[in-house]
Amino acid sequence: MPVAKQNVTTHATKDASERRRKGEANFVCPIPGCGSTFTRGFNLKGHLRSHTDDRPFQCKWPGCEKSFARQHDCKRHEALHLGVRDFKCGGCQKEFARMDALNRHRECMVILPS
């Protein structure tokens, strides 16, 4: 078995996850130093792959060799190939394929005086 990777999640991501959570997080990642918790065993199973090189979900786009630990990450990636950009900045109208990319853009935007 490959050596486990530790501290995959940032504190900000962990805090946001805990704020969204509605149920008790009874499933705890057993990797020392990780501390991630989940409300469903299924989510813990997918998370555990983030500590290894196990990437069973292969992108089906011709010529793309990317693979992913979780199916929803693979599906989200495949949408990039289609050019789907459902997230628009209200300030500059730039469009993004993913909400996290839009949020990073918003954090980096500098409003210049007219």
PDB file of N, CA and C in Angstrom:
ATOM      1  N   MET A   1       0.848  -1.189   0.000  1.00  0.00           N
ATOM      2  CA  MET A   1       0.000   0.000   0.000  1.00  0.00           C
ATOM      3  C   MET A   1       0.885   1.241   0.000  1.00  0.00           C
ATOM      4  N   PRO A   2       0.558   2.263  -0.824  1.00  0.00           N
ATOM      5  CA  PRO A   2       1.353   3.490  -0.865  1.00  0.00           C
ATOM      6  C   PRO A   2       1.304   4.236   0.466  1.00  0.00           C
ATOM      7  N   VAL A   3       2.309   5.027   0.714  1.00  0.00           N
ATOM      8  CA  VAL A   3       2.356   5.845   1.924  1.00  0.00           C
ATOM      9  C   VAL A   3       1.231   6.865   1.880  1.00  0.00           C
ATOM     10  N   ALA A   4       0.554   7.018   3.000  1.00  0.00           N
ATOM     11  CA  ALA A   4      -0.578   7.940   3.066  1.00  0.00           C
ATOM     12  C   ALA A   4      -0.108   9.383   3.022  1.00  0.00           C
ATOM     13  N   LYS A   5      -0.826  10.195   2.260  1.00  0.00           N
ATOM     14  CA  LYS A   5      -0.562  11.630   2.214  1.00  0.00           C
ATOM     15  C   LYS A   5      -1.353  12.276   3.349  1.00  0.00           C
ATOM     16  N   GLN A   6      -0.752  13.197   4.059  1.00  0.00           N
ATOM     17  CA  GLN A   6      -1.424  13.846   5.176  1.00  0.00           C
ATOM     18  C   GLN A   6      -1.784  15.279   4.825  1.00  0.00           C
ATOM     19  N   ASN A   7      -2.715  15.842   5.597  1.00  0.00           N
ATOM     20  CA  ASN A   7      -3.097  17.248   5.494  1.00  0.00           C
ATOM     21  C   ASN A   7      -3.478  17.655   4.072  1.00  0.00           C
ATOM     22  N   VAL A   8      -4.381  16.914   3.468  1.00  0.00           N
ATOM     23  CA  VAL A   8      -4.845  17.215   2.119  1.00  0.00           C
ATOM     24  C   VAL A   8      -5.759  18.434   2.128  1.00  0.00           C
ATOM     25  N   THR A   9      -6.594  18.557   3.145  1.00  0.00           N
ATOM     26  CA  THR A   9      -7.590  19.617   3.220  1.00  0.00           C
ATOM     27  C   THR A   9      -7.040  20.843   3.942  1.00  0.00           C
ATOM     28  N   THR A  10      -7.350  22.028   3.422  1.00  0.00           N
ATOM     29  CA  THR A  10      -6.943  23.259   4.096  1.00  0.00           C
ATOM     30  C   THR A  10      -7.888  23.533   5.255  1.00  0.00           C
ATOM     31  N   HIS A  11      -7.471  24.393   6.178  1.00  0.00           N
ATOM     32  CA  HIS A  11      -8.337  24.758   7.300  1.00  0.00           C
ATOM     33  C   HIS A  11      -9.605  25.441   6.809  1.00  0.00           C
ATOM     34  N   ALA A  12      -9.498  26.275   5.787  1.00  0.00           N
ATOM     35  CA  ALA A  12     -10.671  26.973   5.257  1.00  0.00           C
ATOM     36  C   ALA A  12     -11.676  25.984   4.678  1.00  0.00           C
ATOM     37  N   THR A  13     -11.186  24.978   3.959  1.00  0.00           N
ATOM     38  CA  THR A  13     -12.071  23.965   3.384  1.00  0.00           C
ATOM     39  C   THR A  13     -12.740  23.161   4.486  1.00  0.00           C
ATOM     40  N   LYS A  14     -11.973  22.801   5.491  1.00  0.00           N
ATOM     41  CA  LYS A  14     -12.515  22.031   6.612  1.00  0.00           C
ATOM     42  C   LYS A  14     -13.583  22.834   7.349  1.00  0.00           C
ATOM     43  N   ASP A  15     -13.325  24.110   7.612  1.00  0.00           N
ATOM     44  CA  ASP A  15     -14.295  24.965   8.301  1.00  0.00           C
ATOM     45  C   ASP A  15     -15.579  25.103   7.495  1.00  0.00           C
ATOM     46  N   ALA A  16     -15.456  25.297   6.184  1.00  0.00           N
ATOM     47  CA  ALA A  16     -16.634  25.434   5.322  1.00  0.00           C
ATOM     48  C   ALA A  16     -17.450  24.150   5.324  1.00  0.00           C
ATOM     49  N   SER A  17     -16.775  23.021   5.308  1.00  0.00           N
ATOM     50  CA  SER A  17     -17.459  21.728   5.334  1.00  0.00           C
ATOM     51  C   SER A  17     -18.253  21.565   6.626  1.00  0.00           C
ATOM     52  N   GLU A  18     -17.657  21.941   7.730  1.00  0.00           N
ATOM     53  CA  GLU A  18     -18.334  21.810   9.020  1.00  0.00           C
ATOM     54  C   GLU A  18     -19.534  22.749   9.129  1.00  0.00           C
ATOM     55  N   ARG A  19     -19.469  23.923   8.523  1.00  0.00           N
ATOM     56  CA  ARG A  19     -20.606  24.858   8.562  1.00  0.00           C
ATOM     57  C   ARG A  19     -21.798  24.326   7.768  1.00  0.00           C
ATOM     58  N   ARG A  20     -21.534  23.619   6.646  1.00  0.00           N
ATOM     59  CA  ARG A  20     -22.605  23.075   5.799  1.00  0.00           C
ATOM     60  C   ARG A  20     -23.255  21.834   6.396  1.00  0.00           C
ATOM     61  N   ARG A  21     -22.552  21.166   7.255  1.00  0.00           N
ATOM     62  CA  ARG A  21     -22.969  19.868   7.776  1.00  0.00           C
ATOM     63  C   ARG A  21     -24.269  19.974   8.574  1.00  0.00           C
ATOM     64  N   LYS A  22     -25.197  19.054   8.297  1.00  0.00           N
ATOM     65  CA  LYS A  22     -26.477  19.035   9.004  1.00  0.00           C
ATOM     66  C   LYS A  22     -26.537  17.918  10.041  1.00  0.00           C
ATOM     67  N   GLY A  23     -25.863  16.800   9.766  1.00  0.00           N
ATOM     68  CA  GLY A  23     -25.902  15.655  10.670  1.00  0.00           C
ATOM     69  C   GLY A  23     -24.605  15.487  11.436  1.00  0.00           C
ATOM     70  N   GLU A  24     -24.599  14.475  12.296  1.00  0.00           N
ATOM     71  CA  GLU A  24     -23.398  14.165  13.070  1.00  0.00           C
ATOM     72  C   GLU A  24     -22.340  13.526  12.169  1.00  0.00           C
ATOM     73  N   ALA A  25     -21.117  13.943  12.330  1.00  0.00           N
ATOM     74  CA  ALA A  25     -20.007  13.398  11.544  1.00  0.00           C
ATOM     75  C   ALA A  25     -19.393  12.236  12.317  1.00  0.00           C
ATOM     76  N   ASN A  26     -19.974  11.056  12.160  1.00  0.00           N
ATOM     77  CA  ASN A  26     -19.546   9.885  12.915  1.00  0.00           C
ATOM     78  C   ASN A  26     -18.442   9.082  12.239  1.00  0.00           C
ATOM     79  N   PHE A  27     -18.077   9.439  11.014  1.00  0.00           N
ATOM     80  CA  PHE A  27     -17.044   8.705  10.282  1.00  0.00           C
ATOM     81  C   PHE A  27     -15.779   9.561  10.246  1.00  0.00           C
ATOM     82  N   VAL A  28     -14.731   9.080  10.897  1.00  0.00           N
ATOM     83  CA  VAL A  28     -13.490   9.844  11.053  1.00  0.00           C
ATOM     84  C   VAL A  28     -12.377   9.193  10.239  1.00  0.00           C
ATOM     85  N   CYS A  29     -11.635  10.015   9.520  1.00  0.00           N
ATOM     86  CA  CYS A  29     -10.502   9.509   8.745  1.00  0.00           C
ATOM     87  C   CYS A  29      -9.451   8.952   9.707  1.00  0.00           C
ATOM     88  N   PRO A  30      -9.014   7.709   9.489  1.00  0.00           N
ATOM     89  CA  PRO A  30      -8.044   7.094  10.399  1.00  0.00           C
ATOM     90  C   PRO A  30      -6.586   7.491  10.134  1.00  0.00           C
ATOM     91  N   ILE A  31      -6.343   8.289   9.109  1.00  0.00           N
ATOM     92  CA  ILE A  31      -4.969   8.684   8.784  1.00  0.00           C
ATOM     93  C   ILE A  31      -4.476   9.696   9.822  1.00  0.00           C
ATOM     94  N   PRO A  32      -3.366   9.406  10.495  1.00  0.00           N
ATOM     95  CA  PRO A  32      -2.838  10.330  11.508  1.00  0.00           C
ATOM     96  C   PRO A  32      -2.590  11.721  10.920  1.00  0.00           C
ATOM     97  N   GLY A  33      -3.063  12.735  11.626  1.00  0.00           N
ATOM     98  CA  GLY A  33      -2.854  14.114  11.204  1.00  0.00           C
ATOM     99  C   GLY A  33      -3.911  14.658  10.274  1.00  0.00           C
ATOM    100  N   CYS A  34      -4.821  13.822   9.777  1.00  0.00           N
ATOM    101  CA  CYS A  34      -5.825  14.300   8.825  1.00  0.00           C
ATOM    102  C   CYS A  34      -6.978  14.986   9.555  1.00  0.00           C
ATOM    103  N   GLY A  35      -7.699  14.247  10.364  1.00  0.00           N
ATOM    104  CA  GLY A  35      -8.788  14.825  11.142  1.00  0.00           C
ATOM    105  C   GLY A  35     -10.081  15.064  10.390  1.00  0.00           C
ATOM    106  N   SER A  36     -10.181  14.679   9.129  1.00  0.00           N
ATOM    107  CA  SER A  36     -11.419  14.879   8.376  1.00  0.00           C
ATOM    108  C   SER A  36     -12.513  13.966   8.913  1.00  0.00           C
ATOM    109  N   THR A  37     -13.736  14.499   8.952  1.00  0.00           N
ATOM    110  CA  THR A  37     -14.882  13.733   9.434  1.00  0.00           C
ATOM    111  C   THR A  37     -16.001  13.791   8.405  1.00  0.00           C
ATOM    112  N   PHE A  38     -16.859  12.769   8.427  1.00  0.00           N
ATOM    113  CA  PHE A  38     -17.912  12.646   7.428  1.00  0.00           C
ATOM    114  C   PHE A  38     -19.195  12.142   8.066  1.00  0.00           C
ATOM    115  N   THR A  39     -20.317  12.515   7.479  1.00  0.00           N
ATOM    116  CA  THR A  39     -21.616  12.059   7.969  1.00  0.00           C
ATOM    117  C   THR A  39     -22.012  10.727   7.345  1.00  0.00           C
ATOM    118  N   ARG A  40     -21.343  10.343   6.260  1.00  0.00           N
ATOM    119  CA  ARG A  40     -21.658   9.093   5.565  1.00  0.00           C
ATOM    120  C   ARG A  40     -20.379   8.300   5.305  1.00  0.00           C
ATOM    121  N   GLY A  41     -20.471   6.995   5.509  1.00  0.00           N
ATOM    122  CA  GLY A  41     -19.331   6.120   5.271  1.00  0.00           C
ATOM    123  C   GLY A  41     -18.857   6.157   3.829  1.00  0.00           C
ATOM    124  N   PHE A  42     -19.803   6.338   2.903  1.00  0.00           N
ATOM    125  CA  PHE A  42     -19.474   6.420   1.485  1.00  0.00           C
ATOM    126  C   PHE A  42     -18.501   7.565   1.218  1.00  0.00           C
ATOM    127  N   ASN A  43     -18.731   8.703   1.871  1.00  0.00           N
ATOM    128  CA  ASN A  43     -17.855   9.862   1.677  1.00  0.00           C
ATOM    129  C   ASN A  43     -16.471   9.624   2.278  1.00  0.00           C
ATOM    130  N   LEU A  44     -16.417   8.926   3.398  1.00  0.00           N
ATOM    131  CA  LEU A  44     -15.117   8.580   3.980  1.00  0.00           C
ATOM    132  C   LEU A  44     -14.347   7.672   3.026  1.00  0.00           C
ATOM    133  N   LYS A  45     -15.033   6.708   2.423  1.00  0.00           N
ATOM    134  CA  LYS A  45     -14.374   5.782   1.491  1.00  0.00           C
ATOM    135  C   LYS A  45     -13.735   6.549   0.330  1.00  0.00           C
ATOM    136  N   GLY A  46     -14.466   7.495  -0.244  1.00  0.00           N
ATOM    137  CA  GLY A  46     -13.916   8.311  -1.325  1.00  0.00           C
ATOM    138  C   GLY A  46     -12.763   9.173  -0.848  1.00  0.00           C
ATOM    139  N   HIS A  47     -12.909   9.725   0.349  1.00  0.00           N
ATOM    140  CA  HIS A  47     -11.855  10.566   0.920  1.00  0.00           C
ATOM    141  C   HIS A  47     -10.562   9.786   1.132  1.00  0.00           C
ATOM    142  N   LEU A  48     -10.670   8.549   1.578  1.00  0.00           N
ATOM    143  CA  LEU A  48      -9.471   7.754   1.858  1.00  0.00           C
ATOM    144  C   LEU A  48      -8.595   7.602   0.622  1.00  0.00           C
ATOM    145  N   ARG A  49      -9.202   7.631  -0.559  1.00  0.00           N
ATOM    146  CA  ARG A  49      -8.407   7.544  -1.790  1.00  0.00           C
ATOM    147  C   ARG A  49      -7.531   8.786  -1.972  1.00  0.00           C
ATOM    148  N   SER A  50      -7.917   9.910  -1.358  1.00  0.00           N
ATOM    149  CA  SER A  50      -7.110  11.127  -1.496  1.00  0.00           C
ATOM    150  C   SER A  50      -5.764  10.988  -0.784  1.00  0.00           C
ATOM    151  N   HIS A  51      -5.662  10.014   0.100  1.00  0.00           N
ATOM    152  CA  HIS A  51      -4.405   9.767   0.813  1.00  0.00           C
ATOM    153  C   HIS A  51      -3.506   8.781   0.074  1.00  0.00           C
ATOM    154  N   THR A  52      -3.986   8.221  -1.016  1.00  0.00           N
ATOM    155  CA  THR A  52      -3.212   7.233  -1.778  1.00  0.00           C
ATOM    156  C   THR A  52      -3.177   7.665  -3.244  1.00  0.00           C
ATOM    157  N   ASP A  53      -2.609   6.835  -4.071  1.00  0.00           N
ATOM    158  CA  ASP A  53      -2.585   7.112  -5.511  1.00  0.00           C
ATOM    159  C   ASP A  53      -3.711   6.386  -6.244  1.00  0.00           C
ATOM    160  N   ASP A  54      -4.703   5.867  -5.514  1.00  0.00           N
ATOM    161  CA  ASP A  54      -5.826   5.145  -6.123  1.00  0.00           C
ATOM    162  C   ASP A  54      -6.748   6.134  -6.834  1.00  0.00           C
ATOM    163  N   ARG A  55      -6.814   6.052  -8.142  1.00  0.00           N
ATOM    164  CA  ARG A  55      -7.641   6.936  -8.976  1.00  0.00           C
ATOM    165  C   ARG A  55      -8.454   6.076  -9.953  1.00  0.00           C
ATOM    166  N   PRO A  56      -9.535   5.443  -9.488  1.00  0.00           N
ATOM    167  CA  PRO A  56     -10.259   4.499 -10.342  1.00  0.00           C
ATOM    168  C   PRO A  56     -11.175   5.130 -11.393  1.00  0.00           C
ATOM    169  N   PHE A  57     -11.425   6.433 -11.317  1.00  0.00           N
ATOM    170  CA  PHE A  57     -12.360   7.068 -12.251  1.00  0.00           C
ATOM    171  C   PHE A  57     -11.590   7.815 -13.340  1.00  0.00           C
ATOM    172  N   GLN A  58     -11.587   7.250 -14.543  1.00  0.00           N
ATOM    173  CA  GLN A  58     -10.830   7.763 -15.687  1.00  0.00           C
ATOM    174  C   GLN A  58     -11.716   8.672 -16.532  1.00  0.00           C
ATOM    175  N   CYS A  59     -11.188   9.837 -16.931  1.00  0.00           N
ATOM    176  CA  CYS A  59     -11.900  10.734 -17.842  1.00  0.00           C
ATOM    177  C   CYS A  59     -12.142   9.998 -19.158  1.00  0.00           C
ATOM    178  N   LYS A  60     -13.367  10.096 -19.673  1.00  0.00           N
ATOM    179  CA  LYS A  60     -13.740   9.401 -20.905  1.00  0.00           C
ATOM    180  C   LYS A  60     -13.492  10.236 -22.160  1.00  0.00           C
ATOM    181  N   TRP A  61     -13.017  11.470 -21.992  1.00  0.00           N
ATOM    182  CA  TRP A  61     -12.768  12.337 -23.150  1.00  0.00           C
ATOM    183  C   TRP A  61     -11.583  11.790 -23.946  1.00  0.00           C
ATOM    184  N   PRO A  62     -11.727  11.656 -25.276  1.00  0.00           N
ATOM    185  CA  PRO A  62     -10.632  11.108 -26.095  1.00  0.00           C
ATOM    186  C   PRO A  62      -9.330  11.902 -25.919  1.00  0.00           C
ATOM    187  N   GLY A  63      -8.270  11.180 -25.628  1.00  0.00           N
ATOM    188  CA  GLY A  63      -6.962  11.805 -25.479  1.00  0.00           C
ATOM    189  C   GLY A  63      -6.650  12.320 -24.089  1.00  0.00           C
ATOM    190  N   CYS A  64      -7.641  12.381 -23.210  1.00  0.00           N
ATOM    191  CA  CYS A  64      -7.402  12.856 -21.840  1.00  0.00           C
ATOM    192  C   CYS A  64      -7.049  11.655 -20.967  1.00  0.00           C
ATOM    193  N   GLU A  65      -5.971  11.781 -20.244  1.00  0.00           N
ATOM    194  CA  GLU A  65      -5.516  10.669 -19.412  1.00  0.00           C
ATOM    195  C   GLU A  65      -5.701  10.933 -17.926  1.00  0.00           C
ATOM    196  N   LYS A  66      -6.477  11.953 -17.570  1.00  0.00           N
ATOM    197  CA  LYS A  66      -6.680  12.259 -16.152  1.00  0.00           C
ATOM    198  C   LYS A  66      -7.572  11.210 -15.502  1.00  0.00           C
ATOM    199  N   SER A  67      -7.290  10.946 -14.238  1.00  0.00           N
ATOM    200  CA  SER A  67      -8.127  10.040 -13.460  1.00  0.00           C
ATOM    201  C   SER A  67      -8.308  10.638 -12.069  1.00  0.00           C
ATOM    202  N   PHE A  68      -9.336  10.166 -11.371  1.00  0.00           N
ATOM    203  CA  PHE A  68      -9.753  10.803 -10.132  1.00  0.00           C
ATOM    204  C   PHE A  68     -10.090   9.779  -9.056  1.00  0.00           C
ATOM    205  N   ALA A  69      -9.968  10.200  -7.814  1.00  0.00           N
ATOM    206  CA  ALA A  69     -10.291   9.347  -6.678  1.00  0.00           C
ATOM    207  C   ALA A  69     -11.802   9.240  -6.487  1.00  0.00           C
ATOM    208  N   ARG A  70     -12.532  10.292  -6.857  1.00  0.00           N
ATOM    209  CA  ARG A  70     -13.987  10.311  -6.651  1.00  0.00           C
ATOM    210  C   ARG A  70     -14.703  10.547  -7.973  1.00  0.00           C
ATOM    211  N   GLN A  71     -15.824   9.865  -8.150  1.00  0.00           N
ATOM    212  CA  GLN A  71     -16.566   9.950  -9.399  1.00  0.00           C
ATOM    213  C   GLN A  71     -17.049  11.369  -9.676  1.00  0.00           C
ATOM    214  N   HIS A  72     -17.512  12.082  -8.642  1.00  0.00           N
ATOM    215  CA  HIS A  72     -18.033  13.429  -8.896  1.00  0.00           C
ATOM    216  C   HIS A  72     -16.927  14.384  -9.344  1.00  0.00           C
ATOM    217  N   ASP A  73     -15.691  14.153  -8.910  1.00  0.00           N
ATOM    218  CA  ASP A  73     -14.578  14.977  -9.394  1.00  0.00           C
ATOM    219  C   ASP A  73     -14.314  14.702 -10.872  1.00  0.00           C
ATOM    220  N   CYS A  74     -14.455  13.443 -11.271  1.00  0.00           N
ATOM    221  CA  CYS A  74     -14.269  13.074 -12.676  1.00  0.00           C
ATOM    222  C   CYS A  74     -15.357  13.712 -13.539  1.00  0.00           C
ATOM    223  N   LYS A  75     -16.602  13.644 -13.096  1.00  0.00           N
ATOM    224  CA  LYS A  75     -17.717  14.233 -13.855  1.00  0.00           C
ATOM    225  C   LYS A  75     -17.534  15.747 -13.991  1.00  0.00           C
ATOM    226  N   ARG A  76     -17.107  16.393 -12.908  1.00  0.00           N
ATOM    227  CA  ARG A  76     -16.880  17.838 -12.934  1.00  0.00           C
ATOM    228  C   ARG A  76     -15.771  18.172 -13.927  1.00  0.00           C
ATOM    229  N   HIS A  77     -14.720  17.373 -13.946  1.00  0.00           N
ATOM    230  CA  HIS A  77     -13.625  17.564 -14.890  1.00  0.00           C
ATOM    231  C   HIS A  77     -14.104  17.387 -16.328  1.00  0.00           C
ATOM    232  N   GLU A  78     -14.890  16.355 -16.586  1.00  0.00           N
ATOM    233  CA  GLU A  78     -15.367  16.086 -17.945  1.00  0.00           C
ATOM    234  C   GLU A  78     -16.182  17.256 -18.492  1.00  0.00           C
ATOM    235  N   ALA A  79     -16.888  17.967 -17.621  1.00  0.00           N
ATOM    236  CA  ALA A  79     -17.657  19.141 -18.059  1.00  0.00           C
ATOM    237  C   ALA A  79     -16.736  20.236 -18.592  1.00  0.00           C
ATOM    238  N   LEU A  80     -15.496  20.288 -18.119  1.00  0.00           N
ATOM    239  CA  LEU A  80     -14.540  21.279 -18.620  1.00  0.00           C
ATOM    240  C   LEU A  80     -14.275  21.074 -20.109  1.00  0.00           C
ATOM    241  N   HIS A  81     -14.240  19.820 -20.544  1.00  0.00           N
ATOM    242  CA  HIS A  81     -14.011  19.515 -21.959  1.00  0.00           C
ATOM    243  C   HIS A  81     -15.150  20.046 -22.832  1.00  0.00           C
ATOM    244  N   LEU A  82     -16.335  20.151 -22.276  1.00  0.00           N
ATOM    245  CA  LEU A  82     -17.507  20.610 -23.030  1.00  0.00           C
ATOM    246  C   LEU A  82     -17.615  22.132 -23.060  1.00  0.00           C
ATOM    247  N   GLY A  83     -16.765  22.809 -22.292  1.00  0.00           N
ATOM    248  CA  GLY A  83     -16.789  24.269 -22.271  1.00  0.00           C
ATOM    249  C   GLY A  83     -17.935  24.856 -21.469  1.00  0.00           C
ATOM    250  N   VAL A  84     -18.543  24.061 -20.590  1.00  0.00           N
ATOM    251  CA  VAL A  84     -19.644  24.547 -19.759  1.00  0.00           C
ATOM    252  C   VAL A  84     -19.084  25.537 -18.745  1.00  0.00           C
ATOM    253  N   ARG A  85     -19.638  26.754 -18.742  1.00  0.00           N
ATOM    254  CA  ARG A  85     -19.193  27.798 -17.813  1.00  0.00           C
ATOM    255  C   ARG A  85     -20.431  28.443 -17.197  1.00  0.00           C
ATOM    256  N   ASP A  86     -20.923  27.827 -16.131  1.00  0.00           N
ATOM    257  CA  ASP A  86     -22.173  28.255 -15.506  1.00  0.00           C
ATOM    258  C   ASP A  86     -22.002  29.294 -14.403  1.00  0.00           C
ATOM    259  N   PHE A  87     -20.774  29.677 -14.084  1.00  0.00           N
ATOM    260  CA  PHE A  87     -20.534  30.589 -12.967  1.00  0.00           C
ATOM    261  C   PHE A  87     -19.943  31.891 -13.492  1.00  0.00           C
ATOM    262  N   LYS A  88     -20.709  32.991 -13.344  1.00  0.00           N
ATOM    263  CA  LYS A  88     -20.313  34.280 -13.922  1.00  0.00           C
ATOM    264  C   LYS A  88     -20.033  35.304 -12.827  1.00  0.00           C
ATOM    265  N   CYS A  89     -18.946  36.050 -13.011  1.00  0.00           N
ATOM    266  CA  CYS A  89     -18.602  37.139 -12.102  1.00  0.00           C
ATOM    267  C   CYS A  89     -19.558  38.300 -12.362  1.00  0.00           C
ATOM    268  N   GLY A  90     -20.187  38.796 -11.326  1.00  0.00           N
ATOM    269  CA  GLY A  90     -21.105  39.924 -11.466  1.00  0.00           C
ATOM    270  C   GLY A  90     -20.389  41.232 -11.741  1.00  0.00           C
ATOM    271  N   GLY A  91     -19.088  41.297 -11.455  1.00  0.00           N
ATOM    272  CA  GLY A  91     -18.334  42.523 -11.667  1.00  0.00           C
ATOM    273  C   GLY A  91     -17.827  42.687 -13.086  1.00  0.00           C
ATOM    274  N   CYS A  92     -17.157  41.661 -13.610  1.00  0.00           N
ATOM    275  CA  CYS A  92     -16.533  41.781 -14.933  1.00  0.00           C
ATOM    276  C   CYS A  92     -17.180  40.876 -15.986  1.00  0.00           C
ATOM    277  N   GLN A  93     -18.135  40.071 -15.579  1.00  0.00           N
ATOM    278  CA  GLN A  93     -18.863  39.154 -16.470  1.00  0.00           C
ATOM    279  C   GLN A  93     -18.030  37.969 -16.958  1.00  0.00           C
ATOM    280  N   LYS A  94     -16.823  37.780 -16.431  1.00  0.00           N
ATOM    281  CA  LYS A  94     -16.022  36.615 -16.816  1.00  0.00           C
ATOM    282  C   LYS A  94     -16.734  35.356 -16.324  1.00  0.00           C
ATOM    283  N   GLU A  95     -16.694  34.297 -17.144  1.00  0.00           N
ATOM    284  CA  GLU A  95     -17.385  33.057 -16.815  1.00  0.00           C
ATOM    285  C   GLU A  95     -16.395  31.957 -16.442  1.00  0.00           C
ATOM    286  N   PHE A  96     -16.829  31.098 -15.522  1.00  0.00           N
ATOM    287  CA  PHE A  96     -15.993  30.020 -15.013  1.00  0.00           C
ATOM    288  C   PHE A  96     -16.749  28.705 -15.039  1.00  0.00           C
ATOM    289  N   ALA A  97     -16.013  27.623 -15.175  1.00  0.00           N
ATOM    290  CA  ALA A  97     -16.611  26.290 -15.199  1.00  0.00           C
ATOM    291  C   ALA A  97     -16.920  25.794 -13.790  1.00  0.00           C
ATOM    292  N   ARG A  98     -16.202  26.332 -12.795  1.00  0.00           N
ATOM    293  CA  ARG A  98     -16.375  25.849 -11.426  1.00  0.00           C
ATOM    294  C   ARG A  98     -16.542  27.010 -10.459  1.00  0.00           C
ATOM    295  N   MET A  99     -17.364  26.778  -9.442  1.00  0.00           N
ATOM    296  CA  MET A  99     -17.616  27.798  -8.426  1.00  0.00           C
ATOM    297  C   MET A  99     -16.334  28.164  -7.682  1.00  0.00           C
ATOM    298  N   ASP A 100     -15.469  27.192  -7.400  1.00  0.00           N
ATOM    299  CA  ASP A 100     -14.247  27.511  -6.668  1.00  0.00           C
ATOM    300  C   ASP A 100     -13.336  28.423  -7.486  1.00  0.00           C
ATOM    301  N   ALA A 101     -13.343  28.279  -8.807  1.00  0.00           N
ATOM    302  CA  ALA A 101     -12.546  29.167  -9.661  1.00  0.00           C
ATOM    303  C   ALA A 101     -13.110  30.582  -9.629  1.00  0.00           C
ATOM    304  N   LEU A 102     -14.431  30.710  -9.659  1.00  0.00           N
ATOM    305  CA  LEU A 102     -15.064  32.028  -9.541  1.00  0.00           C
ATOM    306  C   LEU A 102     -14.722  32.654  -8.192  1.00  0.00           C
ATOM    307  N   ASN A 103     -14.782  31.878  -7.129  1.00  0.00           N
ATOM    308  CA  ASN A 103     -14.465  32.415  -5.802  1.00  0.00           C
ATOM    309  C   ASN A 103     -13.013  32.876  -5.716  1.00  0.00           C
ATOM    310  N   ARG A 104     -12.078  32.124  -6.305  1.00  0.00           N
ATOM    311  CA  ARG A 104     -10.669  32.565  -6.327  1.00  0.00           C
ATOM    312  C   ARG A 104     -10.534  33.859  -7.116  1.00  0.00           C
ATOM    313  N   HIS A 105     -11.249  33.957  -8.232  1.00  0.00           N
ATOM    314  CA  HIS A 105     -11.243  35.167  -9.053  1.00  0.00           C
ATOM    315  C   HIS A 105     -11.736  36.358  -8.228  1.00  0.00           C
ATOM    316  N   ARG A 106     -12.827  36.181  -7.522  1.00  0.00           N
ATOM    317  CA  ARG A 106     -13.385  37.269  -6.697  1.00  0.00           C
ATOM    318  C   ARG A 106     -12.390  37.726  -5.642  1.00  0.00           C
ATOM    319  N   GLU A 107     -11.683  36.769  -5.040  1.00  0.00           N
ATOM    320  CA  GLU A 107     -10.697  37.111  -4.013  1.00  0.00           C
ATOM    321  C   GLU A 107      -9.526  37.900  -4.591  1.00  0.00           C
ATOM    322  N   CYS A 108      -9.198  37.660  -5.853  1.00  0.00           N
ATOM    323  CA  CYS A 108      -8.044  38.306  -6.485  1.00  0.00           C
ATOM    324  C   CYS A 108      -8.391  39.616  -7.184  1.00  0.00           C
ATOM    325  N   MET A 109      -9.681  39.869  -7.390  1.00  0.00           N
ATOM    326  CA  MET A 109     -10.073  41.076  -8.130  1.00  0.00           C
ATOM    327  C   MET A 109      -9.659  42.336  -7.381  1.00  0.00           C
ATOM    328  N   VAL A 110      -9.112  43.272  -8.114  1.00  0.00           N
ATOM    329  CA  VAL A 110      -8.755  44.576  -7.560  1.00  0.00           C
ATOM    330  C   VAL A 110      -9.604  45.600  -8.294  1.00  0.00           C
ATOM    331  N   ILE A 111     -10.379  46.360  -7.555  1.00  0.00           N
ATOM    332  CA  ILE A 111     -11.218  47.380  -8.178  1.00  0.00           C
ATOM    333  C   ILE A 111     -10.400  48.656  -8.291  1.00  0.00           C
ATOM    334  N   LEU A 112     -10.155  49.072  -9.521  1.00  0.00           N
ATOM    335  CA  LEU A 112      -9.354  50.265  -9.781  1.00  0.00           C
ATOM    336  C   LEU A 112     -10.249  51.501  -9.822  1.00  0.00           C
ATOM    337  N   PRO A 113      -9.746  52.646  -9.349  1.00  0.00           N
ATOM    338  CA  PRO A 113     -10.551  53.872  -9.409  1.00  0.00           C
ATOM    339  C   PRO A 113     -10.788  54.293 -10.860  1.00  0.00           C
ATOM    340  N   SER A 114     -11.943  54.904 -11.111  1.00  0.00           N
ATOM    341  CA  SER A 114     -12.291  55.344 -12.485  1.00  0.00           C
ATOM    342  C   SER A 114     -11.473  56.530 -12.908  1.00  0.00           C
TER     343      SER A 114
END
